[in-house]
């Protein structure tokens, strides 16, 4: 799975700041403009099927598709299920 430099830089920066001075509430990993829903539909999966494959509830998957923040672990599961890179589906936001 090829992941771009910018994404990993963002993740490393996020990890560093979370473990030094920046509170976790200042960063969110969110869907990139509905990319998850489009990729899921293109893959021919319903939200129920995909949520079972990755071990999330359907309402939680829907929330993530609609822009709720998620963890790196869950983002990786979603990207893997859809055969996409993390960078294609997610972005790291600084919410300060």
Protein backbone atom coordinates (compact mmCIF):
# COMPACT_ATOMS: atom_id res chain seq x y z
CA UNK A 1 0.00 0.00 0.00
CA UNK A 2 1.70 3.17 -1.18
CA UNK A 3 1.11 6.11 1.11
CA UNK A 4 2.39 9.57 0.27
CA UNK A 5 4.97 11.57 2.16
CA UNK A 6 2.51 14.32 3.15
CA UNK A 7 0.18 11.89 4.87
CA UNK A 8 2.95 10.20 6.85
CA UNK A 9 4.43 13.57 7.75
CA UNK A 10 1.01 14.55 9.10
CA UNK A 11 0.72 11.32 11.08
CA UNK A 12 4.24 11.66 12.52
CA UNK A 13 3.59 15.29 13.37
CA UNK A 14 0.32 14.30 15.00
CA UNK A 15 1.99 11.55 17.06
CA UNK A 16 4.81 13.88 18.14
CA UNK A 17 2.49 16.68 19.18
CA UNK A 18 0.11 14.35 21.01
CA UNK A 19 2.98 12.96 23.03
CA UNK A 20 4.62 16.31 23.77
CA UNK A 21 2.54 19.43 24.20
CA UNK A 22 -0.50 19.44 21.91
CA UNK A 23 -3.77 18.06 23.25
CA UNK A 24 -5.43 15.39 21.11
CA UNK A 25 -8.53 17.52 20.65
CA UNK A 26 -6.66 19.76 18.19
CA UNK A 27 -6.31 17.08 15.49
CA UNK A 28 -8.84 15.04 13.54
CA UNK A 29 -8.50 12.40 10.84
CA UNK A 30 -11.52 12.86 8.58
CA UNK A 31 -12.89 11.64 5.27
CA UNK A 32 -11.62 13.57 2.26
CA UNK A 33 -14.80 15.07 0.73
CA UNK A 34 -16.95 11.94 0.77
CA UNK A 35 -14.20 9.73 -0.66
CA UNK A 36 -15.10 6.80 1.61
CA UNK A 37 -18.73 6.64 0.51
CA UNK A 38 -17.81 6.95 -3.18
CA UNK A 39 -15.17 4.20 -2.89
CA UNK A 40 -17.59 1.95 -0.97
CA UNK A 41 -20.32 2.34 -3.58
CA UNK A 42 -17.82 1.85 -6.41
CA UNK A 43 -16.65 -1.38 -4.71
CA UNK A 44 -20.28 -2.55 -4.64
CA UNK A 45 -20.54 -2.70 -0.85
CA UNK A 46 -23.47 -1.63 1.28
CA UNK A 47 -22.69 0.18 4.51
CA UNK A 48 -23.85 -2.92 6.41
CA UNK A 49 -21.47 -5.23 4.52
CA UNK A 50 -18.52 -2.90 4.94
CA UNK A 51 -19.17 -2.28 8.63
CA UNK A 52 -19.17 -6.04 9.25
CA UNK A 53 -15.90 -6.48 7.33
CA UNK A 54 -14.05 -3.85 9.36
CA UNK A 55 -15.73 -4.46 12.71
CA UNK A 56 -17.60 -1.17 13.15
CA UNK A 57 -21.25 -0.48 13.70
CA UNK A 58 -23.14 0.82 10.67
CA UNK A 59 -23.99 4.15 12.38
CA UNK A 60 -20.29 4.66 13.23
CA UNK A 61 -19.28 3.99 9.61
CA UNK A 62 -21.93 6.44 8.46
CA UNK A 63 -20.59 9.07 10.86
CA UNK A 64 -17.06 8.60 9.53
CA UNK A 65 -18.33 8.85 5.94
CA UNK A 66 -20.07 12.10 6.87
CA UNK A 67 -16.92 13.69 8.32
CA UNK A 68 -16.65 12.54 11.93
CA UNK A 69 -13.09 12.05 13.12
CA UNK A 70 -11.59 8.59 13.45
CA UNK A 71 -8.43 6.89 14.65
CA UNK A 72 -5.47 5.90 12.48
CA UNK A 73 -6.24 2.22 13.17
CA UNK A 74 -9.84 2.52 11.96
CA UNK A 75 -8.77 4.64 8.97
CA UNK A 76 -6.29 1.91 7.98
CA UNK A 77 -9.00 -0.77 8.25
CA UNK A 78 -11.33 1.25 6.02
CA UNK A 79 -8.60 1.92 3.43
CA UNK A 80 -7.59 -1.74 3.40
CA UNK A 81 -11.18 -2.91 2.97
CA UNK A 82 -11.61 -0.59 -0.01
CA UNK A 83 -8.13 -1.31 -1.49
CA UNK A 84 -7.25 2.37 -1.34
CA UNK A 85 -4.44 4.32 0.29
CA UNK A 86 -5.00 6.32 3.45
CA UNK A 87 -4.09 9.48 1.58
CA UNK A 88 -6.82 8.90 -1.01
CA UNK A 89 -9.55 8.62 1.61
CA UNK A 90 -8.47 10.72 4.62
CA UNK A 91 -6.89 13.99 5.63
CA UNK A 92 -5.43 15.19 8.94
CA UNK A 93 -6.92 18.46 10.13
CA UNK A 94 -5.50 20.87 12.66
CA UNK A 95 -8.64 22.17 14.38
CA UNK A 96 -7.06 24.97 16.38
